[in-house]
Full PDB file with SEQRES, HELIX, SHEET, SSBOND, CRYST1, ORIGX, SCALE, CONECT and MASTER records, all heavy atoms in Angstrom:
SEQRES   1 A   36  PRO ALA PRO ASP VAL PHE VAL SER ASN TYR GLY SER SER          
SEQRES   2 A   36  SER ILE GLU TYR THR VAL ARG CYS TRP THR LYS PRO GLU          
SEQRES   3 A   36  ASP TYR TRP GLU THR SER CYS ALA LEU ASN                      
HELIX    1 AA1 PRO A   25  ASP A   27  5                                   3    
HELIX    2 AA2 TYR A   28  LEU A   35  1                                   8    
SHEET    1 AA1 2 ASP A   4  TYR A  10  0                                        
SHEET    2 AA1 2 ILE A  15  ARG A  20 -1                                        
CRYST1    1.000    1.000    1.000  90.00  90.00  90.00 P 1           1          
ORIGX1      1.000000  0.000000  0.000000        0.00000                         
ORIGX2      0.000000  1.000000  0.000000        0.00000                         
ORIGX3      0.000000  0.000000  1.000000        0.00000                         
SCALE1      1.000000  0.000000  0.000000        0.00000                         
SCALE2      0.000000  1.000000  0.000000        0.00000                         
SCALE3      0.000000  0.000000  1.000000        0.00000                         
ATOM      1  N   PRO A   1     111.793  97.393 128.465  1.00  0.00           N  
ATOM      2  CA  PRO A   1     110.996  96.109 128.238  1.00  0.00           C  
ATOM      3  C   PRO A   1     111.376  95.471 126.901  1.00  0.00           C  
ATOM      4  O   PRO A   1     111.682  96.223 125.997  1.00  0.00           O  
ATOM      5  CB  PRO A   1     109.560  96.606 128.316  1.00  0.00           C  
ATOM      6  CG  PRO A   1     109.559  97.917 128.922  1.00  0.00           C  
ATOM      7  CD  PRO A   1     110.886  98.507 128.575  1.00  0.00           C  
ATOM      8  N   ALA A   2     111.298  94.141 126.888  1.00  0.00           N  
ATOM      9  CA  ALA A   2     111.747  93.476 125.635  1.00  0.00           C  
ATOM     10  C   ALA A   2     110.796  93.658 124.558  1.00  0.00           C  
ATOM     11  O   ALA A   2     109.589  93.834 124.752  1.00  0.00           O  
ATOM     12  CB  ALA A   2     111.869  91.901 125.992  1.00  0.00           C  
ATOM     13  N   PRO A   3     111.340  93.677 123.311  1.00  0.00           N  
ATOM     14  CA  PRO A   3     110.439  93.804 122.084  1.00  0.00           C  
ATOM     15  C   PRO A   3     109.498  92.515 122.000  1.00  0.00           C  
ATOM     16  O   PRO A   3     109.803  91.476 122.489  1.00  0.00           O  
ATOM     17  CB  PRO A   3     111.422  93.820 120.923  1.00  0.00           C  
ATOM     18  CG  PRO A   3     112.791  94.191 121.551  1.00  0.00           C  
ATOM     19  CD  PRO A   3     112.764  93.646 122.880  1.00  0.00           C  
ATOM     20  N   ASP A   4     108.332  92.733 121.455  1.00  0.00           N  
ATOM     21  CA  ASP A   4     107.376  91.695 121.207  1.00  0.00           C  
ATOM     22  C   ASP A   4     106.687  91.789 119.888  1.00  0.00           C  
ATOM     23  O   ASP A   4     106.621  92.899 119.268  1.00  0.00           O  
ATOM     24  CB  ASP A   4     106.393  91.587 122.374  1.00  0.00           C  
ATOM     25  CG  ASP A   4     105.593  92.829 122.567  1.00  0.00           C  
ATOM     26  OD1 ASP A   4     105.910  93.844 121.933  1.00  0.00           O  
ATOM     27  OD2 ASP A   4     104.525  92.764 123.271  1.00  0.00           O  
ATOM     28  N   VAL A   5     106.214  90.661 119.393  1.00  0.00           N  
ATOM     29  CA  VAL A   5     105.502  90.581 118.114  1.00  0.00           C  
ATOM     30  C   VAL A   5     104.224  89.650 118.336  1.00  0.00           C  
ATOM     31  O   VAL A   5     104.399  88.657 118.981  1.00  0.00           O  
ATOM     32  CB  VAL A   5     106.322  89.969 116.958  1.00  0.00           C  
ATOM     33  CG1 VAL A   5     105.572  90.020 115.666  1.00  0.00           C  
ATOM     34  CG2 VAL A   5     107.676  90.833 116.836  1.00  0.00           C  
ATOM     35  N   PHE A   6     103.115  90.131 117.777  1.00  0.00           N  
ATOM     36  CA  PHE A   6     101.929  89.280 117.977  1.00  0.00           C  
ATOM     37  C   PHE A   6     101.013  89.483 116.800  1.00  0.00           C  
ATOM     38  O   PHE A   6     101.070  90.557 116.090  1.00  0.00           O  
ATOM     39  CB  PHE A   6     101.213  89.539 119.282  1.00  0.00           C  
ATOM     40  CG  PHE A   6     100.847  90.972 119.485  1.00  0.00           C  
ATOM     41  CD1 PHE A   6      99.569  91.441 119.026  1.00  0.00           C  
ATOM     42  CD2 PHE A   6     101.713  91.814 120.178  1.00  0.00           C  
ATOM     43  CE1 PHE A   6      99.258  92.756 119.256  1.00  0.00           C  
ATOM     44  CE2 PHE A   6     101.343  93.172 120.372  1.00  0.00           C  
ATOM     45  CZ  PHE A   6     100.047  93.697 119.857  1.00  0.00           C  
ATOM     46  N   VAL A   7     100.120  88.535 116.582  1.00  0.00           N  
ATOM     47  CA  VAL A   7      99.126  88.647 115.542  1.00  0.00           C  
ATOM     48  C   VAL A   7      97.979  89.560 116.078  1.00  0.00           C  
ATOM     49  O   VAL A   7      97.468  89.364 117.125  1.00  0.00           O  
ATOM     50  CB  VAL A   7      98.513  87.257 115.118  1.00  0.00           C  
ATOM     51  CG1 VAL A   7      97.287  87.375 114.189  1.00  0.00           C  
ATOM     52  CG2 VAL A   7      99.618  86.364 114.595  1.00  0.00           C  
ATOM     53  N   SER A   8      97.726  90.598 115.294  1.00  0.00           N  
ATOM     54  CA  SER A   8      96.696  91.596 115.733  1.00  0.00           C  
ATOM     55  C   SER A   8      95.418  91.586 114.946  1.00  0.00           C  
ATOM     56  O   SER A   8      94.396  92.074 115.395  1.00  0.00           O  
ATOM     57  CB  SER A   8      97.322  93.015 115.689  1.00  0.00           C  
ATOM     58  OG  SER A   8      97.828  93.295 114.438  1.00  0.00           O  
ATOM     59  N   ASN A   9      95.421  90.969 113.670  1.00  0.00           N  
ATOM     60  CA  ASN A   9      94.230  91.020 112.928  1.00  0.00           C  
ATOM     61  C   ASN A   9      94.248  89.974 111.742  1.00  0.00           C  
ATOM     62  O   ASN A   9      95.376  89.785 111.198  1.00  0.00           O  
ATOM     63  CB  ASN A   9      93.942  92.366 112.387  1.00  0.00           C  
ATOM     64  CG  ASN A   9      92.661  92.517 111.645  1.00  0.00           C  
ATOM     65  OD1 ASN A   9      91.626  92.011 112.193  1.00  0.00           O  
ATOM     66  ND2 ASN A   9      92.579  93.037 110.469  1.00  0.00           N  
ATOM     67  N   TYR A  10      93.110  89.370 111.521  1.00  0.00           N  
ATOM     68  CA  TYR A  10      93.044  88.480 110.319  1.00  0.00           C  
ATOM     69  C   TYR A  10      92.255  89.219 109.286  1.00  0.00           C  
ATOM     70  O   TYR A  10      91.075  89.392 109.414  1.00  0.00           O  
ATOM     71  CB  TYR A  10      92.348  87.147 110.698  1.00  0.00           C  
ATOM     72  CG  TYR A  10      93.197  86.244 111.648  1.00  0.00           C  
ATOM     73  CD1 TYR A  10      93.030  86.214 113.006  1.00  0.00           C  
ATOM     74  CD2 TYR A  10      94.213  85.408 110.972  1.00  0.00           C  
ATOM     75  CE1 TYR A  10      93.812  85.421 113.783  1.00  0.00           C  
ATOM     76  CE2 TYR A  10      94.985  84.605 111.857  1.00  0.00           C  
ATOM     77  CZ  TYR A  10      94.770  84.662 113.190  1.00  0.00           C  
ATOM     78  OH  TYR A  10      95.582  83.831 113.965  1.00  0.00           O  
ATOM     79  N   GLY A  11      92.933  89.675 108.175  1.00  0.00           N  
ATOM     80  CA  GLY A  11      92.293  90.333 107.127  1.00  0.00           C  
ATOM     81  C   GLY A  11      91.659  89.422 106.072  1.00  0.00           C  
ATOM     82  O   GLY A  11      91.735  88.182 106.174  1.00  0.00           O  
ATOM     83  N   SER A  12      91.155  90.006 104.986  1.00  0.00           N  
ATOM     84  CA  SER A  12      90.495  89.253 103.958  1.00  0.00           C  
ATOM     85  C   SER A  12      91.583  88.518 103.117  1.00  0.00           C  
ATOM     86  O   SER A  12      91.289  87.450 102.628  1.00  0.00           O  
ATOM     87  CB  SER A  12      89.685  90.107 103.054  1.00  0.00           C  
ATOM     88  OG  SER A  12      90.496  91.204 102.538  1.00  0.00           O  
ATOM     89  N   SER A  13      92.797  89.040 103.035  1.00  0.00           N  
ATOM     90  CA  SER A  13      93.839  88.429 102.192  1.00  0.00           C  
ATOM     91  C   SER A  13      95.210  88.388 102.856  1.00  0.00           C  
ATOM     92  O   SER A  13      96.186  88.015 102.171  1.00  0.00           O  
ATOM     93  CB  SER A  13      93.914  89.129 100.854  1.00  0.00           C  
ATOM     94  OG  SER A  13      94.312  90.503 100.995  1.00  0.00           O  
ATOM     95  N   SER A  14      95.247  88.794 104.145  1.00  0.00           N  
ATOM     96  CA  SER A  14      96.548  88.791 104.836  1.00  0.00           C  
ATOM     97  C   SER A  14      96.284  88.684 106.353  1.00  0.00           C  
ATOM     98  O   SER A  14      95.170  89.006 106.832  1.00  0.00           O  
ATOM     99  CB  SER A  14      97.333  89.994 104.431  1.00  0.00           C  
ATOM    100  OG  SER A  14      96.657  91.185 104.873  1.00  0.00           O  
ATOM    101  N   ILE A  15      97.370  88.468 107.070  1.00  0.00           N  
ATOM    102  CA  ILE A  15      97.381  88.520 108.550  1.00  0.00           C  
ATOM    103  C   ILE A  15      98.188  89.744 108.910  1.00  0.00           C  
ATOM    104  O   ILE A  15      99.327  89.951 108.484  1.00  0.00           O  
ATOM    105  CB  ILE A  15      98.020  87.208 109.148  1.00  0.00           C  
ATOM    106  CG1 ILE A  15      97.233  86.010 108.689  1.00  0.00           C  
ATOM    107  CG2 ILE A  15      98.102  87.291 110.666  1.00  0.00           C  
ATOM    108  CD1 ILE A  15      97.790  84.703 109.099  1.00  0.00           C  
ATOM    109  N   GLU A  16      97.655  90.461 109.891  1.00  0.00           N  
ATOM    110  CA  GLU A  16      98.364  91.653 110.371  1.00  0.00           C  
ATOM    111  C   GLU A  16      99.151  91.345 111.630  1.00  0.00           C  
ATOM    112  O   GLU A  16      98.549  90.746 112.601  1.00  0.00           O  
ATOM    113  CB  GLU A  16      97.364  92.724 110.689  1.00  0.00           C  
ATOM    114  CG  GLU A  16      98.040  94.043 111.178  1.00  0.00           C  
ATOM    115  CD  GLU A  16      97.015  95.149 111.548  1.00  0.00           C  
ATOM    116  OE1 GLU A  16      96.473  95.076 112.645  1.00  0.00           O  
ATOM    117  OE2 GLU A  16      96.839  96.076 110.721  1.00  0.00           O  
ATOM    118  N   TYR A  17     100.373  91.694 111.709  1.00  0.00           N  
ATOM    119  CA  TYR A  17     101.242  91.558 112.859  1.00  0.00           C  
ATOM    120  C   TYR A  17     101.639  92.843 113.434  1.00  0.00           C  
ATOM    121  O   TYR A  17     101.850  93.874 112.664  1.00  0.00           O  
ATOM    122  CB  TYR A  17     102.512  90.794 112.492  1.00  0.00           C  
ATOM    123  CG  TYR A  17     102.281  89.347 112.002  1.00  0.00           C  
ATOM    124  CD1 TYR A  17     101.873  89.050 110.760  1.00  0.00           C  
ATOM    125  CD2 TYR A  17     102.508  88.264 112.894  1.00  0.00           C  
ATOM    126  CE1 TYR A  17     101.705  87.732 110.344  1.00  0.00           C  
ATOM    127  CE2 TYR A  17     102.287  86.932 112.580  1.00  0.00           C  
ATOM    128  CZ  TYR A  17     101.940  86.669 111.263  1.00  0.00           C  
ATOM    129  OH  TYR A  17     101.658  85.409 110.837  1.00  0.00           O  
ATOM    130  N   THR A  18     101.664  93.000 114.743  1.00  0.00           N  
ATOM    131  CA  THR A  18     102.028  94.237 115.411  1.00  0.00           C  
ATOM    132  C   THR A  18     103.415  93.979 116.042  1.00  0.00           C  
ATOM    133  O   THR A  18     103.619  93.044 116.852  1.00  0.00           O  
ATOM    134  CB  THR A  18     101.058  94.574 116.522  1.00  0.00           C  
ATOM    135  OG1 THR A  18      99.765  94.874 115.851  1.00  0.00           O  
ATOM    136  CG2 THR A  18     101.451  95.899 117.192  1.00  0.00           C  
ATOM    137  N   VAL A  19     104.315  94.904 115.729  1.00  0.00           N  
ATOM    138  CA  VAL A  19     105.673  94.857 116.279  1.00  0.00           C  
ATOM    139  C   VAL A  19     105.909  95.998 117.258  1.00  0.00           C  
ATOM    140  O   VAL A  19     105.616  97.110 116.923  1.00  0.00           O  
ATOM    141  CB  VAL A  19     106.742  94.915 115.189  1.00  0.00           C  
ATOM    142  CG1 VAL A  19     108.182  94.660 115.710  1.00  0.00           C  
ATOM    143  CG2 VAL A  19     106.457  93.929 114.060  1.00  0.00           C  
ATOM    144  N   ARG A  20     106.297  95.724 118.481  1.00  0.00           N  
ATOM    145  CA  ARG A  20     106.466  96.707 119.432  1.00  0.00           C  
ATOM    146  C   ARG A  20     107.886  96.675 120.101  1.00  0.00           C  
ATOM    147  O   ARG A  20     108.411  95.554 120.460  1.00  0.00           O  
ATOM    148  CB  ARG A  20     105.415  96.583 120.542  1.00  0.00           C  
ATOM    149  CG  ARG A  20     104.038  96.701 120.065  1.00  0.00           C  
ATOM    150  CD  ARG A  20     102.991  96.752 121.159  1.00  0.00           C  
ATOM    151  NE  ARG A  20     103.126  95.640 122.117  1.00  0.00           N  
ATOM    152  CZ  ARG A  20     102.261  95.416 123.173  1.00  0.00           C  
ATOM    153  NH1 ARG A  20     101.275  96.299 123.324  1.00  0.00           N  
ATOM    154  NH2 ARG A  20     102.498  94.428 124.042  1.00  0.00           N  
ATOM    155  N   CYS A  21     108.472  97.785 120.308  1.00  0.00           N  
ATOM    156  CA  CYS A  21     109.742  97.923 121.055  1.00  0.00           C  
ATOM    157  C   CYS A  21     109.792  99.279 121.726  1.00  0.00           C  
ATOM    158  O   CYS A  21     108.984 100.162 121.413  1.00  0.00           O  
ATOM    159  CB  CYS A  21     110.895  97.676 120.148  1.00  0.00           C  
ATOM    160  SG  CYS A  21     111.037  98.889 118.767  1.00  0.00           S  
ATOM    161  N   TRP A  22     110.775  99.480 122.603  1.00  0.00           N  
ATOM    162  CA  TRP A  22     110.941 100.660 123.276  1.00  0.00           C  
ATOM    163  C   TRP A  22     112.203 101.387 122.992  1.00  0.00           C  
ATOM    164  O   TRP A  22     113.207 100.768 122.720  1.00  0.00           O  
ATOM    165  CB  TRP A  22     110.892 100.428 124.797  1.00  0.00           C  
ATOM    166  CG  TRP A  22     109.516  99.974 125.287  1.00  0.00           C  
ATOM    167  CD1 TRP A  22     109.069  98.713 125.294  1.00  0.00           C  
ATOM    168  CD2 TRP A  22     108.464 100.759 125.758  1.00  0.00           C  
ATOM    169  NE1 TRP A  22     107.753  98.668 125.757  1.00  0.00           N  
ATOM    170  CE2 TRP A  22     107.368  99.870 126.061  1.00  0.00           C  
ATOM    171  CE3 TRP A  22     108.324 102.137 126.053  1.00  0.00           C  
ATOM    172  CZ2 TRP A  22     106.183 100.346 126.700  1.00  0.00           C  
ATOM    173  CZ3 TRP A  22     107.120 102.601 126.565  1.00  0.00           C  
ATOM    174  CH2 TRP A  22     106.026 101.727 126.823  1.00  0.00           C  
ATOM    175  N   THR A  23     112.219 102.711 123.038  1.00  0.00           N  
ATOM    176  CA  THR A  23     113.440 103.499 122.825  1.00  0.00           C  
ATOM    177  C   THR A  23     113.337 104.792 123.646  1.00  0.00           C  
ATOM    178  O   THR A  23     112.285 105.076 124.248  1.00  0.00           O  
ATOM    179  CB  THR A  23     113.579 103.847 121.311  1.00  0.00           C  
ATOM    180  OG1 THR A  23     114.844 104.527 121.154  1.00  0.00           O  
ATOM    181  CG2 THR A  23     112.496 104.774 120.869  1.00  0.00           C  
ATOM    182  N   LYS A  24     114.451 105.528 123.690  1.00  0.00           N  
ATOM    183  CA  LYS A  24     114.373 106.810 124.450  1.00  0.00           C  
ATOM    184  C   LYS A  24     113.578 107.847 123.537  1.00  0.00           C  
ATOM    185  O   LYS A  24     113.580 107.798 122.385  1.00  0.00           O  
ATOM    186  CB  LYS A  24     115.750 107.399 124.612  1.00  0.00           C  
ATOM    187  CG  LYS A  24     116.589 106.537 125.595  1.00  0.00           C  
ATOM    188  CD  LYS A  24     118.018 107.060 125.827  1.00  0.00           C  
ATOM    189  CE  LYS A  24     118.836 106.187 126.770  1.00  0.00           C  
ATOM    190  NZ  LYS A  24     120.147 106.799 127.010  1.00  0.00           N  
ATOM    191  N   PRO A  25     112.950 108.815 124.185  1.00  0.00           N  
ATOM    192  CA  PRO A  25     112.077 109.679 123.460  1.00  0.00           C  
ATOM    193  C   PRO A  25     112.869 110.499 122.400  1.00  0.00           C  
ATOM    194  O   PRO A  25     112.261 110.686 121.347  1.00  0.00           O  
ATOM    195  CB  PRO A  25     111.626 110.737 124.643  1.00  0.00           C  
ATOM    196  CG  PRO A  25     111.644 109.874 125.806  1.00  0.00           C  
ATOM    197  CD  PRO A  25     112.805 108.953 125.767  1.00  0.00           C  
ATOM    198  N   GLU A  26     114.084 110.855 122.630  1.00  0.00           N  
ATOM    199  CA  GLU A  26     114.803 111.568 121.624  1.00  0.00           C  
ATOM    200  C   GLU A  26     115.261 110.724 120.436  1.00  0.00           C  
ATOM    201  O   GLU A  26     115.577 111.228 119.392  1.00  0.00           O  
ATOM    202  CB  GLU A  26     116.066 112.218 122.285  1.00  0.00           C  
ATOM    203  CG  GLU A  26     117.033 111.244 122.926  1.00  0.00           C  
ATOM    204  CD  GLU A  26     116.816 111.015 124.308  1.00  0.00           C  
ATOM    205  OE1 GLU A  26     115.646 111.185 124.744  1.00  0.00           O  
ATOM    206  OE2 GLU A  26     117.738 110.621 124.999  1.00  0.00           O  
ATOM    207  N   ASP A  27     115.159 109.381 120.602  1.00  0.00           N  
ATOM    208  CA  ASP A  27     115.550 108.517 119.524  1.00  0.00           C  
ATOM    209  C   ASP A  27     114.342 107.902 118.762  1.00  0.00           C  
ATOM    210  O   ASP A  27     114.487 107.021 117.913  1.00  0.00           O  
ATOM    211  CB  ASP A  27     116.384 107.324 120.068  1.00  0.00           C  
ATOM    212  CG  ASP A  27     117.701 107.765 120.714  1.00  0.00           C  
ATOM    213  OD1 ASP A  27     118.292 108.788 120.177  1.00  0.00           O  
ATOM    214  OD2 ASP A  27     118.133 107.185 121.732  1.00  0.00           O  
ATOM    215  N   TYR A  28     113.128 108.356 119.120  1.00  0.00           N  
ATOM    216  CA  TYR A  28     111.905 107.703 118.607  1.00  0.00           C  
ATOM    217  C   TYR A  28     111.788 107.717 117.115  1.00  0.00           C  
ATOM    218  O   TYR A  28     111.617 106.645 116.486  1.00  0.00           O  
ATOM    219  CB  TYR A  28     110.645 108.456 119.225  1.00  0.00           C  
ATOM    220  CG  TYR A  28     109.345 107.932 118.651  1.00  0.00           C  
ATOM    221  CD1 TYR A  28     108.773 106.768 119.138  1.00  0.00           C  
ATOM    222  CD2 TYR A  28     108.737 108.595 117.541  1.00  0.00           C  
ATOM    223  CE1 TYR A  28     107.622 106.325 118.534  1.00  0.00           C  
ATOM    224  CE2 TYR A  28     107.549 108.111 117.037  1.00  0.00           C  
ATOM    225  CZ  TYR A  28     106.990 107.005 117.535  1.00  0.00           C  
ATOM    226  OH  TYR A  28     105.818 106.513 117.031  1.00  0.00           O  
ATOM    227  N   TRP A  29     112.002 108.803 116.476  1.00  0.00           N  
ATOM    228  CA  TRP A  29     111.735 108.930 115.005  1.00  0.00           C  
ATOM    229  C   TRP A  29     112.865 108.146 114.274  1.00  0.00           C  
ATOM    230  O   TRP A  29     112.510 107.426 113.301  1.00  0.00           O  
ATOM    231  CB  TRP A  29     111.777 110.378 114.544  1.00  0.00           C  
ATOM    232  CG  TRP A  29     110.557 111.138 115.012  1.00  0.00           C  
ATOM    233  CD1 TRP A  29     110.459 112.080 115.910  1.00  0.00           C  
ATOM    234  CD2 TRP A  29     109.180 110.890 114.514  1.00  0.00           C  
ATOM    235  NE1 TRP A  29     109.258 112.505 116.132  1.00  0.00           N  
ATOM    236  CE2 TRP A  29     108.411 111.771 115.282  1.00  0.00           C  
ATOM    237  CE3 TRP A  29     108.648 109.990 113.613  1.00  0.00           C  
ATOM    238  CZ2 TRP A  29     107.038 111.835 115.081  1.00  0.00           C  
ATOM    239  CZ3 TRP A  29     107.263 110.044 113.437  1.00  0.00           C  
ATOM    240  CH2 TRP A  29     106.462 110.897 114.203  1.00  0.00           C  
ATOM    241  N   GLU A  30     114.078 108.124 114.740  1.00  0.00           N  
ATOM    242  CA  GLU A  30     115.139 107.372 114.070  1.00  0.00           C  
ATOM    243  C   GLU A  30     114.899 105.901 114.201  1.00  0.00           C  
ATOM    244  O   GLU A  30     115.072 105.161 113.158  1.00  0.00           O  
ATOM    245  CB  GLU A  30     116.516 107.711 114.656  1.00  0.00           C  
ATOM    246  CG  GLU A  30     117.683 107.020 114.048  1.00  0.00           C  
ATOM    247  CD  GLU A  30     119.015 107.273 114.756  1.00  0.00           C  
ATOM    248  OE1 GLU A  30     119.021 108.000 115.778  1.00  0.00           O  
ATOM    249  OE2 GLU A  30     120.043 106.723 114.265  1.00  0.00           O  
ATOM    250  N   THR A  31     114.481 105.439 115.348  1.00  0.00           N  
ATOM    251  CA  THR A  31     114.218 104.020 115.543  1.00  0.00           C  
ATOM    252  C   THR A  31     112.983 103.588 114.749  1.00  0.00           C  
ATOM    253  O   THR A  31     112.971 102.510 114.133  1.00  0.00           O  
ATOM    254  CB  THR A  31     114.040 103.723 117.043  1.00  0.00           C  
ATOM    255  OG1 THR A  31     115.154 104.153 117.770  1.00  0.00           O  
ATOM    256  CG2 THR A  31     113.770 102.281 117.312  1.00  0.00           C  
ATOM    257  N   SER A  32     111.882 104.415 114.782  1.00  0.00           N  
ATOM    258  CA  SER A  32     110.708 104.064 114.082  1.00  0.00           C  
ATOM    259  C   SER A  32     110.948 103.936 112.588  1.00  0.00           C  
ATOM    260  O   SER A  32     110.519 102.985 111.921  1.00  0.00           O  
ATOM    261  CB  SER A  32     109.613 105.124 114.288  1.00  0.00           C  
ATOM    262  OG  SER A  32     108.423 104.813 113.642  1.00  0.00           O  
ATOM    263  N   CYS A  33     111.648 104.880 111.962  1.00  0.00           N  
ATOM    264  CA  CYS A  33     111.876 104.852 110.569  1.00  0.00           C  
ATOM    265  C   CYS A  33     112.746 103.667 110.107  1.00  0.00           C  
ATOM    266  O   CYS A  33     112.571 103.001 109.160  1.00  0.00           O  
ATOM    267  CB  CYS A  33     112.524 106.156 110.072  1.00  0.00           C  
ATOM    268  SG  CYS A  33     111.423 107.587 110.212  1.00  0.00           S  
ATOM    269  N   ALA A  34     113.802 103.453 111.000  1.00  0.00           N  
ATOM    270  CA  ALA A  34     114.735 102.291 110.704  1.00  0.00           C  
ATOM    271  C   ALA A  34     114.035 100.985 110.747  1.00  0.00           C  
ATOM    272  O   ALA A  34     114.217 100.080 109.971  1.00  0.00           O  
ATOM    273  CB  ALA A  34     115.886 102.324 111.672  1.00  0.00           C  
ATOM    274  N   LEU A  35     113.067 100.854 111.740  1.00  0.00           N  
ATOM    275  CA  LEU A  35     112.389  99.607 111.882  1.00  0.00           C  
ATOM    276  C   LEU A  35     111.472  99.341 110.714  1.00  0.00           C  
ATOM    277  O   LEU A  35     111.348  98.203 110.170  1.00  0.00           O  
ATOM    278  CB  LEU A  35     111.523  99.657 113.206  1.00  0.00           C  
ATOM    279  CG  LEU A  35     110.675  98.394 113.391  1.00  0.00           C  
ATOM    280  CD1 LEU A  35     111.495  97.092 113.502  1.00  0.00           C  
ATOM    281  CD2 LEU A  35     109.901  98.580 114.766  1.00  0.00           C  
ATOM    282  N   ASN A  36     110.798 100.365 110.218  1.00  0.00           N  
ATOM    283  CA  ASN A  36     109.948 100.221 109.067  1.00  0.00           C  
ATOM    284  C   ASN A  36     110.811  99.749 107.862  1.00  0.00           C  
ATOM    285  O   ASN A  36     110.341  98.949 107.004  1.00  0.00           O  
ATOM    286  CB  ASN A  36     109.207 101.562 108.749  1.00  0.00           C  
ATOM    287  CG  ASN A  36     107.983 101.718 109.478  1.00  0.00           C  
ATOM    288  OD1 ASN A  36     107.123 100.800 109.546  1.00  0.00           O  
ATOM    289  ND2 ASN A  36     107.769 102.844 110.135  1.00  0.00           N  
TER     290      ASN A  36                                                      
MASTER        0    0    0    2    2    0    0    6  289    1    0    3          
END                                                                             
């Protein structure tokens, strides 16, 4: 499935965005750390 980004929360001083994408289970940690 294609990656997606959306507004998930309006905070007191910022807007929170949620970024989602998919990877293979064995690549999860590498992809997650690289994305951060």
